[in-house]
Amino acid sequence: MEETHLAENLYGYAVRRNAATGRWEVFWKEKKIGEDFASQAEAEEWIDDQMPLNR
């Protein structure tokens, strides 16, 4: 599973696009967490939902 180096950090989470699947993944401390997302915006929304101040 090859990943691109396209990544954005948000609240310490890294959002990366998986080159093999084309889906977006969320990483915390270089460990994949959660599910795969169809878009970067969905992944970032999931991260926002994890933040208590954003609820």
N, C-alpha and C. Protein backbone atom coordinates (compact mmCIF):
# COMPACT_ATOMS: atom_id res chain seq x y z
N MET A 1 0.85 -1.17 0.00
CA MET A 1 0.00 0.00 0.00
C MET A 1 0.90 1.24 0.00
N GLU A 2 0.98 1.87 -1.10
CA GLU A 2 1.83 3.05 -1.25
C GLU A 2 1.03 4.31 -0.94
N GLU A 3 1.63 5.21 -0.19
CA GLU A 3 0.96 6.45 0.16
C GLU A 3 1.67 7.62 -0.49
N THR A 4 0.90 8.63 -0.80
CA THR A 4 1.52 9.84 -1.30
C THR A 4 2.03 10.63 -0.11
N HIS A 5 2.83 11.64 -0.39
CA HIS A 5 3.31 12.50 0.68
C HIS A 5 2.41 13.70 0.87
N LEU A 6 1.26 13.69 0.20
CA LEU A 6 0.27 14.74 0.40
C LEU A 6 -0.31 14.57 1.80
N ALA A 7 -0.05 15.50 2.67
CA ALA A 7 -0.56 15.38 4.03
C ALA A 7 -0.85 16.76 4.58
N GLU A 8 -1.84 16.79 5.42
CA GLU A 8 -2.17 18.03 6.10
C GLU A 8 -2.33 17.71 7.56
N ASN A 9 -1.74 18.53 8.42
CA ASN A 9 -1.86 18.31 9.85
C ASN A 9 -2.96 19.19 10.40
N LEU A 10 -3.82 18.58 11.21
CA LEU A 10 -4.95 19.26 11.79
C LEU A 10 -5.09 18.76 13.22
N TYR A 11 -4.86 19.63 14.20
CA TYR A 11 -4.93 19.27 15.62
C TYR A 11 -3.99 18.11 15.95
N GLY A 12 -2.89 17.99 15.26
CA GLY A 12 -1.95 16.90 15.52
C GLY A 12 -2.22 15.65 14.70
N TYR A 13 -3.37 15.58 14.04
CA TYR A 13 -3.70 14.45 13.16
C TYR A 13 -3.11 14.74 11.78
N ALA A 14 -2.74 13.69 11.08
CA ALA A 14 -2.27 13.83 9.70
C ALA A 14 -3.33 13.21 8.78
N VAL A 15 -3.66 13.93 7.72
CA VAL A 15 -4.61 13.44 6.73
C VAL A 15 -3.82 13.18 5.45
N ARG A 16 -3.86 11.94 4.99
CA ARG A 16 -3.07 11.58 3.81
C ARG A 16 -3.93 10.83 2.80
N ARG A 17 -3.62 11.04 1.55
CA ARG A 17 -4.31 10.32 0.47
C ARG A 17 -3.52 9.06 0.14
N ASN A 18 -4.19 7.94 0.15
CA ASN A 18 -3.58 6.67 -0.18
C ASN A 18 -3.55 6.56 -1.70
N ALA A 19 -2.37 6.49 -2.28
CA ALA A 19 -2.23 6.46 -3.74
C ALA A 19 -2.82 5.18 -4.35
N ALA A 20 -2.78 4.10 -3.62
CA ALA A 20 -3.27 2.83 -4.15
C ALA A 20 -4.80 2.79 -4.23
N THR A 21 -5.46 3.37 -3.24
CA THR A 21 -6.93 3.30 -3.20
C THR A 21 -7.59 4.61 -3.60
N GLY A 22 -6.85 5.71 -3.51
CA GLY A 22 -7.42 7.02 -3.81
C GLY A 22 -8.25 7.57 -2.66
N ARG A 23 -8.30 6.87 -1.55
CA ARG A 23 -9.10 7.31 -0.40
C ARG A 23 -8.20 8.04 0.60
N TRP A 24 -8.82 8.77 1.48
CA TRP A 24 -8.11 9.58 2.47
C TRP A 24 -8.09 8.85 3.81
N GLU A 25 -6.95 8.91 4.50
CA GLU A 25 -6.77 8.23 5.77
C GLU A 25 -6.33 9.22 6.82
N VAL A 26 -6.67 8.93 8.07
CA VAL A 26 -6.31 9.78 9.20
C VAL A 26 -5.29 9.04 10.05
N PHE A 27 -4.23 9.75 10.42
CA PHE A 27 -3.16 9.17 11.24
C PHE A 27 -2.95 10.01 12.50
N TRP A 28 -2.67 9.32 13.59
CA TRP A 28 -2.30 9.98 14.84
C TRP A 28 -0.97 9.36 15.26
N LYS A 29 0.05 10.18 15.37
CA LYS A 29 1.40 9.72 15.71
C LYS A 29 1.83 8.59 14.78
N GLU A 30 1.60 8.81 13.47
CA GLU A 30 2.00 7.89 12.40
C GLU A 30 1.28 6.54 12.44
N LYS A 31 0.19 6.44 13.20
CA LYS A 31 -0.60 5.21 13.26
C LYS A 31 -1.98 5.50 12.68
N LYS A 32 -2.39 4.70 11.69
CA LYS A 32 -3.69 4.91 11.05
C LYS A 32 -4.81 4.64 12.06
N ILE A 33 -5.76 5.58 12.10
CA ILE A 33 -6.91 5.40 12.97
C ILE A 33 -8.17 5.68 12.17
N GLY A 34 -9.28 5.20 12.67
CA GLY A 34 -10.54 5.47 12.00
C GLY A 34 -10.67 4.69 10.70
N GLU A 35 -11.54 5.20 9.87
CA GLU A 35 -11.84 4.56 8.60
C GLU A 35 -11.21 5.33 7.44
N ASP A 36 -11.38 4.84 6.24
CA ASP A 36 -10.95 5.56 5.05
C ASP A 36 -12.10 6.48 4.63
N PHE A 37 -11.75 7.62 4.06
CA PHE A 37 -12.75 8.59 3.66
C PHE A 37 -12.66 8.86 2.16
N ALA A 38 -13.79 9.16 1.56
CA ALA A 38 -13.84 9.42 0.13
C ALA A 38 -13.22 10.76 -0.24
N SER A 39 -13.21 11.71 0.70
CA SER A 39 -12.64 13.03 0.40
C SER A 39 -11.84 13.54 1.60
N GLN A 40 -10.96 14.47 1.31
CA GLN A 40 -10.17 15.09 2.37
C GLN A 40 -11.09 15.84 3.34
N ALA A 41 -12.12 16.48 2.81
CA ALA A 41 -13.06 17.22 3.65
C ALA A 41 -13.76 16.30 4.65
N GLU A 42 -14.14 15.10 4.23
CA GLU A 42 -14.77 14.14 5.14
C GLU A 42 -13.81 13.73 6.25
N ALA A 43 -12.55 13.52 5.91
CA ALA A 43 -11.55 13.16 6.92
C ALA A 43 -11.36 14.29 7.91
N GLU A 44 -11.29 15.53 7.42
CA GLU A 44 -11.13 16.68 8.30
C GLU A 44 -12.36 16.88 9.18
N GLU A 45 -13.53 16.61 8.65
CA GLU A 45 -14.76 16.72 9.43
C GLU A 45 -14.76 15.69 10.55
N TRP A 46 -14.29 14.48 10.26
CA TRP A 46 -14.19 13.45 11.28
C TRP A 46 -13.26 13.90 12.41
N ILE A 47 -12.13 14.52 12.05
CA ILE A 47 -11.20 15.03 13.05
C ILE A 47 -11.87 16.11 13.88
N ASP A 48 -12.57 17.03 13.22
CA ASP A 48 -13.28 18.09 13.95
C ASP A 48 -14.25 17.49 14.97
N ASP A 49 -14.92 16.41 14.61
CA ASP A 49 -15.87 15.77 15.50
C ASP A 49 -15.20 15.16 16.73
N GLN A 50 -13.90 14.89 16.64
CA GLN A 50 -13.16 14.32 17.78
C GLN A 50 -12.79 15.38 18.80
N MET A 51 -12.82 16.64 18.40
CA MET A 51 -12.42 17.74 19.28
C MET A 51 -13.60 18.18 20.13
N PRO A 52 -13.49 18.14 21.47
CA PRO A 52 -14.60 18.50 22.35
C PRO A 52 -15.10 19.94 22.14
N LEU A 53 -14.24 20.87 21.80
CA LEU A 53 -14.64 22.26 21.62
C LEU A 53 -15.45 22.47 20.35
N ASN A 54 -15.39 21.53 19.43
CA ASN A 54 -16.08 21.67 18.15
C ASN A 54 -17.45 20.97 18.15
N ARG A 55 -17.85 20.44 19.27
CA ARG A 55 -19.14 19.73 19.32
C ARG A 55 -20.25 20.66 19.70
